[in-house]
C-alpha atoms as a PDB file:
ATOM      1  CA  MET A   1     -91.517 -19.153 -29.371  1.00  0.00           C
ATOM      2  CA  ALA A   2     -91.596 -16.750 -32.029  1.00  0.00           C
ATOM      3  CA  GLY A   3     -91.228 -17.382 -35.935  1.00  0.00           C
ATOM      4  CA  PRO A   4     -89.926 -14.900 -38.487  1.00  0.00           C
ATOM      5  CA  ALA A   5     -90.737 -11.463 -37.640  1.00  0.00           C
ATOM      6  CA  GLU A   6     -90.188  -9.739 -40.964  1.00  0.00           C
ATOM      7  CA  PRO A   7     -92.018 -10.151 -44.238  1.00  0.00           C
ATOM      8  CA  PHE A   8     -90.522 -11.606 -47.566  1.00  0.00           C
ATOM      9  CA  ALA A   9     -90.120  -9.567 -50.645  1.00  0.00           C
ATOM     10  CA  ARG A  10     -89.317 -11.067 -54.063  1.00  0.00           C
ATOM     11  CA  SER A  11     -86.919  -9.597 -56.461  1.00  0.00           C
ATOM     12  CA  ALA A  12     -84.909 -10.358 -59.528  1.00  0.00           C
ATOM     13  CA  ARG A  13     -82.364 -11.607 -57.127  1.00  0.00           C
ATOM     14  CA  GLY A  14     -84.678 -13.866 -55.414  1.00  0.00           C
ATOM     15  CA  PRO A  15     -86.296 -13.754 -51.829  1.00  0.00           C
ATOM     16  CA  ALA A  16     -84.956 -10.965 -49.567  1.00  0.00           C
ATOM     17  CA  VAL A  17     -86.002  -9.769 -46.112  1.00  0.00           C
ATOM     18  CA  VAL A  18     -87.702  -6.246 -45.982  1.00  0.00           C
ATOM     19  CA  GLY A  19     -87.288  -4.303 -42.762  1.00  0.00           C
ATOM     20  CA  ALA A  20     -89.456  -1.498 -41.473  1.00  0.00           C
ATOM     21  CA  GLY A  21     -87.782   0.989 -43.489  1.00  0.00           C
ATOM     22  CA  GLY A  22     -88.509  -1.003 -46.775  1.00  0.00           C
ATOM     23  CA  ARG A  23     -84.986  -1.692 -47.569  1.00  0.00           C
ATOM     24  CA  ALA A  24     -84.155  -5.265 -48.662  1.00  0.00           C
ATOM     25  CA  ASP A  25     -81.033  -6.644 -47.018  1.00  0.00           C
ATOM     26  CA  ARG A  26     -78.895  -9.281 -48.721  1.00  0.00           C
ATOM     27  CA  PRO A  27     -79.206 -12.363 -46.631  1.00  0.00           C
ATOM     28  CA  ASP A  28     -76.225 -14.231 -48.430  1.00  0.00           C
ATOM     29  CA  ARG A  29     -73.744 -11.405 -47.466  1.00  0.00           C
ATOM     30  CA  ARG A  30     -75.299 -10.688 -44.010  1.00  0.00           C
ATOM     31  CA  GLY A  31     -75.499 -14.494 -43.353  1.00  0.00           C
ATOM     32  CA  GLY A  32     -71.674 -14.897 -44.050  1.00  0.00           C
ATOM     33  CA  VAL A  33     -70.921 -12.084 -41.573  1.00  0.00           C
ATOM     34  CA  LEU A  34     -72.922 -13.580 -38.908  1.00  0.00           C
ATOM     35  CA  ARG A  35     -71.554 -16.985 -39.486  1.00  0.00           C
ATOM     36  CA  ALA A  36     -68.004 -15.733 -39.010  1.00  0.00           C
ATOM     37  CA  LEU A  37     -69.265 -13.841 -35.945  1.00  0.00           C
ATOM     38  CA  GLY A  38     -70.803 -16.873 -34.396  1.00  0.00           C
ATOM     39  CA  GLU A  39     -67.780 -18.941 -34.963  1.00  0.00           C
ATOM     40  CA  LEU A  40     -65.662 -16.411 -33.396  1.00  0.00           C
ATOM     41  CA  LEU A  41     -67.862 -15.771 -30.213  1.00  0.00           C
ATOM     42  CA  SER A  42     -68.219 -19.499 -29.674  1.00  0.00           C
ATOM     43  CA  ARG A  43     -64.641 -19.817 -28.792  1.00  0.00           C
ATOM     44  CA  LEU A  44     -64.387 -16.858 -26.128  1.00  0.00           C
ATOM     45  CA  CYS A  45     -64.473 -17.142 -22.479  1.00  0.00           C
ATOM     46  CA  PRO A  46     -66.832 -15.454 -20.101  1.00  0.00           C
ATOM     47  CA  ARG A  47     -64.373 -12.659 -19.413  1.00  0.00           C
ATOM     48  CA  ASP A  48     -64.224 -11.893 -23.129  1.00  0.00           C
ATOM     49  CA  PHE A  49     -67.925 -11.378 -23.144  1.00  0.00           C
ATOM     50  CA  ALA A  50     -67.743  -9.150 -20.198  1.00  0.00           C
ATOM     51  CA  ALA A  51     -65.097  -7.018 -21.881  1.00  0.00           C
ATOM     52  CA  LEU A  52     -67.408  -6.856 -24.994  1.00  0.00           C
ATOM     53  CA  GLY A  53     -70.150  -5.029 -22.871  1.00  0.00           C
ATOM     54  CA  LEU A  54     -72.705  -7.489 -23.239  1.00  0.00           C
ATOM     55  CA  GLY A  55     -75.392  -7.714 -20.586  1.00  0.00           C
ATOM     56  CA  CYS A  56     -74.924 -10.566 -18.163  1.00  0.00           C
ATOM     57  CA  SER A  57     -77.150 -12.800 -15.891  1.00  0.00           C
ATOM     58  CA  ARG A  58     -77.320 -10.121 -13.347  1.00  0.00           C
ATOM     59  CA  ARG A  59     -78.423  -7.404 -15.591  1.00  0.00           C
ATOM     60  CA  ILE A  60     -78.899  -8.006 -19.271  1.00  0.00           C
ATOM     61  CA  ASP A  61     -79.900  -4.443 -19.767  1.00  0.00           C
ATOM     62  CA  ARG A  62     -76.481  -2.926 -19.354  1.00  0.00           C
ATOM     63  CA  SER A  63     -72.897  -3.798 -19.602  1.00  0.00           C
ATOM     64  CA  CYS A  64     -70.579  -4.857 -16.880  1.00  0.00           C
ATOM     65  CA  ARG A  65     -70.221  -2.417 -14.177  1.00  0.00           C
ATOM     66  CA  GLU A  66     -67.206  -3.984 -12.220  1.00  0.00           C
ATOM     67  CA  PRO A  67     -64.811  -5.059 -15.080  1.00  0.00           C
ATOM     68  CA  ARG A  68     -61.970  -4.977 -12.634  1.00  0.00           C
ATOM     69  CA  THR A  69     -63.622  -7.882 -10.653  1.00  0.00           C
ATOM     70  CA  CYS A  70     -65.112  -9.807 -13.625  1.00  0.00           C
ATOM     71  CA  SER A  71     -61.694  -9.808 -15.495  1.00  0.00           C
ATOM     72  CA  GLN A  72     -59.943 -11.769 -12.792  1.00  0.00           C
ATOM     73  CA  ASP A  73     -59.311 -15.336 -13.147  1.00  0.00           C
ATOM     74  CA  PRO A  74     -62.054 -17.400 -11.576  1.00  0.00           C
ATOM     75  CA  VAL A  75     -61.640 -18.795  -8.064  1.00  0.00           C
ATOM     76  CA  PRO A  76     -60.927 -22.601  -8.447  1.00  0.00           C
ATOM     77  CA  THR A  77     -63.705 -24.999  -7.203  1.00  0.00           C
ATOM     78  CA  PRO A  78     -62.672 -26.665  -3.943  1.00  0.00           C
ATOM     79  CA  ALA A  79     -61.729 -30.377  -4.134  1.00  0.00           C
ATOM     80  CA  GLY A  80     -64.778 -32.688  -3.878  1.00  0.00           C
ATOM     81  CA  GLU A  81     -67.277 -29.993  -4.788  1.00  0.00           C
ATOM     82  CA  ARG A  82     -69.113 -29.436  -8.251  1.00  0.00           C
ATOM     83  CA  PRO A  83     -68.776 -26.000  -9.825  1.00  0.00           C
ATOM     84  CA  SER A  84     -71.795 -23.830 -10.038  1.00  0.00           C
ATOM     85  CA  LEU A  85     -73.027 -21.139 -12.319  1.00  0.00           C
ATOM     86  CA  ARG A  86     -71.679 -17.700 -11.693  1.00  0.00           C
ATOM     87  CA  GLN A  87     -73.798 -14.430 -11.255  1.00  0.00           C
ATOM     88  CA  GLY A  88     -71.439 -11.259 -10.992  1.00  0.00           C
ATOM     89  CA  PRO A  89     -69.793  -9.229 -10.127  1.00  0.00           C
ATOM     90  CA  VAL A  90     -67.472 -12.163  -9.438  1.00  0.00           C
ATOM     91  CA  ALA A  91     -64.023 -13.129 -10.561  1.00  0.00           C
ATOM     92  CA  GLY A  92     -64.385 -15.003 -13.951  1.00  0.00           C
ATOM     93  CA  ALA A  93     -67.469 -12.972 -14.751  1.00  0.00           C
ATOM     94  CA  CYS A  94     -70.903 -14.372 -15.103  1.00  0.00           C
ATOM     95  CA  SER A  95     -71.936 -17.744 -16.763  1.00  0.00           C
ATOM     96  CA  ASP A  96     -74.535 -16.194 -19.168  1.00  0.00           C
ATOM     97  CA  PHE A  97     -74.752 -12.996 -21.245  1.00  0.00           C
ATOM     98  CA  TRP A  98     -77.303 -11.538 -23.566  1.00  0.00           C
ATOM     99  CA  ASP A  99     -77.188  -8.507 -25.857  1.00  0.00           C
ATOM    100  CA  CYS A 100     -80.930  -7.796 -25.746  1.00  0.00           C
ATOM    101  CA  TYR A 101     -80.614  -4.544 -27.418  1.00  0.00           C
ATOM    102  CA  GLY A 102     -77.969  -4.920 -30.070  1.00  0.00           C
ATOM    103  CA  ARG A 103     -78.906  -5.725 -33.789  1.00  0.00           C
ATOM    104  CA  PHE A 104     -77.334  -9.298 -33.659  1.00  0.00           C
ATOM    105  CA  GLY A 105     -79.183 -10.435 -30.352  1.00  0.00           C
ATOM    106  CA  ILE A 106     -76.082 -12.333 -29.173  1.00  0.00           C
ATOM    107  CA  ARG A 107     -76.531 -14.750 -26.347  1.00  0.00           C
ATOM    108  CA  ALA A 108     -73.952 -16.897 -24.653  1.00  0.00           C
ATOM    109  CA  ALA A 109     -74.530 -19.596 -22.054  1.00  0.00           C
ATOM    110  CA  PHE A 110     -71.556 -21.506 -20.444  1.00  0.00           C
ATOM    111  CA  THR A 111     -71.465 -24.699 -18.494  1.00  0.00           C
ATOM    112  CA  ALA A 112     -70.495 -24.179 -14.736  1.00  0.00           C
ATOM    113  CA  ASP A 113     -66.969 -25.188 -15.390  1.00  0.00           C
ATOM    114  CA  ASP A 114     -66.443 -22.982 -18.425  1.00  0.00           C
ATOM    115  CA  ARG A 115     -65.429 -25.881 -20.630  1.00  0.00           C
ATOM    116  CA  HIS A 116     -68.490 -25.453 -22.937  1.00  0.00           C
ATOM    117  CA  ARG A 117     -70.283 -22.635 -24.226  1.00  0.00           C
ATOM    118  CA  ALA A 118     -73.368 -22.096 -26.518  1.00  0.00           C
ATOM    119  CA  VAL A 119     -73.817 -18.977 -28.579  1.00  0.00           C
ATOM    120  CA  THR A 120     -76.829 -17.738 -30.533  1.00  0.00           C
ATOM    121  CA  VAL A 121     -77.108 -14.947 -33.124  1.00  0.00           C
ATOM    122  CA  GLN A 122     -80.019 -13.545 -34.880  1.00  0.00           C
ATOM    123  CA  GLY A 123     -79.560 -14.573 -38.378  1.00  0.00           C
ATOM    124  CA  PRO A 124     -81.132 -13.580 -41.637  1.00  0.00           C
ATOM    125  CA  TRP A 125     -85.083 -13.721 -41.593  1.00  0.00           C
ATOM    126  CA  SER A 126     -85.136 -13.706 -38.070  1.00  0.00           C
ATOM    127  CA  ARG A 127     -83.766 -17.222 -37.855  1.00  0.00           C
ATOM    128  CA  VAL A 128     -81.680 -18.054 -34.739  1.00  0.00           C
ATOM    129  CA  MET A 129     -78.348 -19.374 -35.512  1.00  0.00           C
ATOM    130  CA  LEU A 130     -76.555 -21.692 -32.941  1.00  0.00           C
ATOM    131  CA  TRP A 131     -72.900 -22.586 -32.210  1.00  0.00           C
ATOM    132  CA  VAL A 132     -71.687 -24.986 -29.546  1.00  0.00           C
ATOM    133  CA  ASP A 133     -67.855 -24.862 -28.971  1.00  0.00           C
ATOM    134  CA  GLY A 134     -67.349 -23.374 -32.343  1.00  0.00           C
ATOM    135  CA  VAL A 135     -69.527 -25.980 -34.226  1.00  0.00           C
ATOM    136  CA  ARG A 136     -72.689 -24.865 -35.952  1.00  0.00           C
ATOM    137  CA  VAL A 137     -75.634 -26.651 -34.874  1.00  0.00           C
ATOM    138  CA  GLU A 138     -78.419 -27.146 -37.521  1.00  0.00           C
ATOM    139  CA  ALA A 139     -82.011 -27.878 -36.967  1.00  0.00           C
ATOM    140  CA  PRO A 140     -85.051 -28.416 -39.239  1.00  0.00           C
ATOM    141  CA  GLY A 141     -87.176 -25.819 -37.497  1.00  0.00           C
ATOM    142  CA  PHE A 142     -86.869 -22.263 -36.067  1.00  0.00           C
ATOM    143  CA  MET A 143     -84.801 -22.462 -32.755  1.00  0.00           C
ATOM    144  CA  ASP A 144     -85.176 -20.361 -29.754  1.00  0.00           C
ATOM    145  CA  GLN A 145     -82.524 -17.797 -28.489  1.00  0.00           C
ATOM    146  CA  THR A 146     -82.404 -19.360 -25.014  1.00  0.00           C
ATOM    147  CA  GLY A 147     -81.412 -22.718 -23.798  1.00  0.00           C
ATOM    148  CA  TYR A 148     -79.726 -24.523 -20.895  1.00  0.00           C
ATOM    149  CA  TRP A 149     -77.070 -27.169 -20.014  1.00  0.00           C
ATOM    150  CA  VAL A 150     -77.866 -30.608 -18.812  1.00  0.00           C
ATOM    151  CA  ASP A 151     -75.103 -32.475 -16.953  1.00  0.00           C
ATOM    152  CA  GLY A 152     -72.635 -30.008 -18.452  1.00  0.00           C
ATOM    153  CA  ARG A 153     -72.687 -32.096 -21.663  1.00  0.00           C
ATOM    154  CA  PHE A 154     -76.022 -31.513 -23.318  1.00  0.00           C
ATOM    155  CA  TYR A 155     -77.157 -28.270 -24.588  1.00  0.00           C
ATOM    156  CA  VAL A 156     -81.029 -27.930 -24.879  1.00  0.00           C
ATOM    157  CA  THR A 157     -83.174 -25.563 -26.673  1.00  0.00           C
ATOM    158  CA  GLU A 158     -86.776 -25.208 -28.049  1.00  0.00           C
ATOM    159  CA  MET A 159     -87.575 -25.513 -31.763  1.00  0.00           C
ATOM    160  CA  SER A 160     -90.881 -25.042 -33.642  1.00  0.00           C
ATOM    161  CA  GLY A 161     -92.761 -28.274 -33.500  1.00  0.00           C
ATOM    162  CA  PRO A 162     -94.169 -30.386 -36.386  1.00  0.00           C
ATOM    163  CA  ASP A 163     -96.552 -28.458 -38.694  1.00  0.00           C
ATOM    164  CA  ASP A 164     -98.749 -31.663 -38.869  1.00  0.00           C
ATOM    165  CA  HIS A 165     -99.037 -32.222 -34.978  1.00  0.00           C
ATOM    166  CA  PRO A 166    -102.881 -32.333 -34.173  1.00  0.00           C
ATOM    167  CA  LEU A 167    -102.420 -29.524 -31.662  1.00  0.00           C
ATOM    168  CA  GLN A 168    -100.275 -27.264 -33.639  1.00  0.00           C
ATOM    169  CA  GLY A 169    -101.302 -23.721 -34.510  1.00  0.00           C
ATOM    170  CA  HIS A 170    -100.621 -20.059 -33.887  1.00  0.00           C
ATOM    171  CA  VAL A 171    -101.374 -18.487 -30.612  1.00  0.00           C
ATOM    172  CA  GLY A 172    -100.753 -14.925 -31.391  1.00  0.00           C
ATOM    173  CA  MET A 173     -97.802 -12.670 -31.787  1.00  0.00           C
ATOM    174  CA  GLY A 174     -95.971 -14.964 -34.076  1.00  0.00           C
ATOM    175  CA  THR A 175     -96.024 -17.679 -31.325  1.00  0.00           C
ATOM    176  CA  ILE A 176     -96.851 -21.297 -32.108  1.00  0.00           C
ATOM    177  CA  ALA A 177     -98.697 -23.768 -29.948  1.00  0.00           C
ATOM    178  CA  ILE A 178     -96.416 -26.943 -30.056  1.00  0.00           C
ATOM    179  CA  LEU A 179     -92.694 -27.080 -29.709  1.00  0.00           C
ATOM    180  CA  SER A 180     -89.940 -29.665 -30.063  1.00  0.00           C
ATOM    181  CA  LEU A 181     -86.639 -29.771 -28.304  1.00  0.00           C
ATOM    182  CA  VAL A 182     -83.233 -29.805 -29.834  1.00  0.00           C
ATOM    183  CA  ILE A 183     -80.299 -31.426 -27.764  1.00  0.00           C
ATOM    184  CA  HIS A 184     -76.766 -31.239 -28.799  1.00  0.00           C
ATOM    185  CA  ASP A 185     -74.337 -33.583 -27.131  1.00  0.00           C
ATOM    186  CA  VAL A 186     -70.925 -32.012 -26.939  1.00  0.00           C
ATOM    187  CA  THR A 187     -69.146 -35.435 -26.298  1.00  0.00           C
ATOM    188  CA  THR A 188     -70.228 -36.934 -29.539  1.00  0.00           C
ATOM    189  CA  ALA A 189     -70.767 -33.765 -31.520  1.00  0.00           C
ATOM    190  CA  THR A 190     -74.277 -34.813 -32.519  1.00  0.00           C
ATOM    191  CA  THR A 191     -77.574 -33.104 -32.430  1.00  0.00           C
ATOM    192  CA  HIS A 192     -80.897 -34.925 -31.685  1.00  0.00           C
ATOM    193  CA  VAL A 193     -84.481 -33.538 -32.248  1.00  0.00           C
ATOM    194  CA  VAL A 194     -87.277 -34.699 -29.892  1.00  0.00           C
ATOM    195  CA  ASP A 195     -90.806 -34.199 -31.151  1.00  0.00           C
ATOM    196  CA  PRO A 196     -93.923 -34.521 -29.069  1.00  0.00           C
ATOM    197  CA  GLU A 197     -96.217 -37.507 -29.753  1.00  0.00           C
ATOM    198  CA  PRO A 198     -99.477 -36.576 -31.498  1.00  0.00           C
ATOM    199  CA  HIS A 199    -101.431 -36.464 -28.065  1.00  0.00           C
ATOM    200  CA  GLN A 200     -98.694 -34.576 -26.191  1.00  0.00           C
ATOM    201  CA  ASP A 201     -99.171 -30.860 -25.623  1.00  0.00           C
ATOM    202  CA  TRP A 202     -95.595 -29.437 -25.522  1.00  0.00           C
ATOM    203  CA  SER A 203     -96.259 -25.770 -25.121  1.00  0.00           C
ATOM    204  CA  ASP A 204     -93.157 -25.169 -23.056  1.00  0.00           C
ATOM    205  CA  PRO A 205     -91.210 -28.391 -23.008  1.00  0.00           C
ATOM    206  CA  VAL A 206     -88.414 -29.240 -20.469  1.00  0.00           C
ATOM    207  CA  ALA A 207     -85.823 -31.881 -20.641  1.00  0.00           C
ATOM    208  CA  GLU A 208     -84.245 -33.503 -17.566  1.00  0.00           C
ATOM    209  CA  LEU A 209     -81.562 -36.328 -17.225  1.00  0.00           C
ATOM    210  CA  ARG A 210     -82.013 -38.459 -14.158  1.00  0.00           C
ATOM    211  CA  ASP A 211     -80.503 -41.843 -13.370  1.00  0.00           C
ATOM    212  CA  GLY A 212     -79.523 -42.266 -16.943  1.00  0.00           C
ATOM    213  CA  GLU A 213     -83.055 -41.683 -18.338  1.00  0.00           C
ATOM    214  CA  TRP A 214     -84.189 -38.773 -20.224  1.00  0.00           C
ATOM    215  CA  ARG A 215     -87.464 -37.298 -18.759  1.00  0.00           C
ATOM    216  CA  PHE A 216     -89.524 -34.811 -20.994  1.00  0.00           C
ATOM    217  CA  TYR A 217     -92.146 -32.602 -19.359  1.00  0.00           C
ATOM    218  CA  PRO A 218     -94.677 -30.611 -21.439  1.00  0.00           C
ATOM    219  CA  THR A 219     -94.276 -27.595 -19.375  1.00  0.00           C
ATOM    220  CA  LEU A 220     -92.216 -26.103 -16.419  1.00  0.00           C
ATOM    221  CA  GLY A 221     -95.254 -26.734 -14.097  1.00  0.00           C
ATOM    222  CA  ALA A 222     -95.201 -30.354 -14.971  1.00  0.00           C
ATOM    223  CA  ARG A 223     -91.501 -30.550 -14.310  1.00  0.00           C
ATOM    224  CA  ASP A 224     -91.919 -28.862 -10.980  1.00  0.00           C
ATOM    225  CA  ALA A 225     -94.826 -31.358 -10.111  1.00  0.00           C
ATOM    226  CA  GLY A 226     -92.716 -34.481 -11.384  1.00  0.00           C
ATOM    227  CA  ARG A 227     -95.045 -35.368 -14.001  1.00  0.00           C
ATOM    228  CA  PRO A 228     -93.146 -36.333 -17.182  1.00  0.00           C
ATOM    229  CA  ASP A 229     -95.125 -37.554 -20.209  1.00  0.00           C
ATOM    230  CA  ARG A 230     -92.242 -39.223 -21.863  1.00  0.00           C
ATOM    231  CA  ILE A 231     -89.278 -41.266 -20.466  1.00  0.00           C
ATOM    232  CA  LEU A 232     -86.511 -42.337 -22.758  1.00  0.00           C
ATOM    233  CA  THR A 233     -83.136 -44.356 -21.953  1.00  0.00           C
ATOM    234  CA  ALA A 234     -81.636 -43.066 -25.195  1.00  0.00           C
ATOM    235  CA  LEU A 235     -82.193 -40.148 -27.257  1.00  0.00           C
ATOM    236  CA  PRO A 236     -83.524 -40.512 -30.905  1.00  0.00           C
ATOM    237  CA  LYS A 237     -80.991 -41.349 -33.453  1.00  0.00           C
ATOM    238  CA  ALA A 238     -79.185 -38.051 -34.766  1.00  0.00           C
ATOM    239  CA  GLY A 239     -80.534 -36.749 -38.137  1.00  0.00           C
END
């Protein structure tokens, strides 16, 4: 996971971000625009994102090629079956969108039933700003742009881990060694942060909810092998 990509500059107005061209942006003004953008986008449906021309889960590098199909109402899920994530071209559009070339780095991830959506926007100083169902989700560290839904209720994303973790450090290209997890519960509108224990090497942590228990894996490989290094019956108290 990458931290800030641009250097800071000090001026009479205080800290500012200096881009490659040497121009200092005003983070207060830009931040206000991005907050309004994030709040708006996090209330849209998948068909709206397809109409905006964002890349989707089928091809993130280009806009929707079959808008006539994706703009149609989604096909209702048959009785007794669970809805599944969509990948277009399909009626109702895809379940994930990512503007990988735009200046705002917009990403949207919907639950399979389209009831909930998480939207990230690249904010000032390269900090990711996250909204879930129109509510801004705050975290003490730098969050990742990507995330996933658990049981259609919990949105999970990675965050920079504790600075004082014994295994923490930089591993190149702005990437840090130890990550934490941010879990937002849409039912209670609360956000939980799960940090690794001092002996746990969470380089690519994954969360899974099974039989009422949260299982945390240090990597995708550990998840695939069924080797959690922590099991909790309840998430840490929201901060």
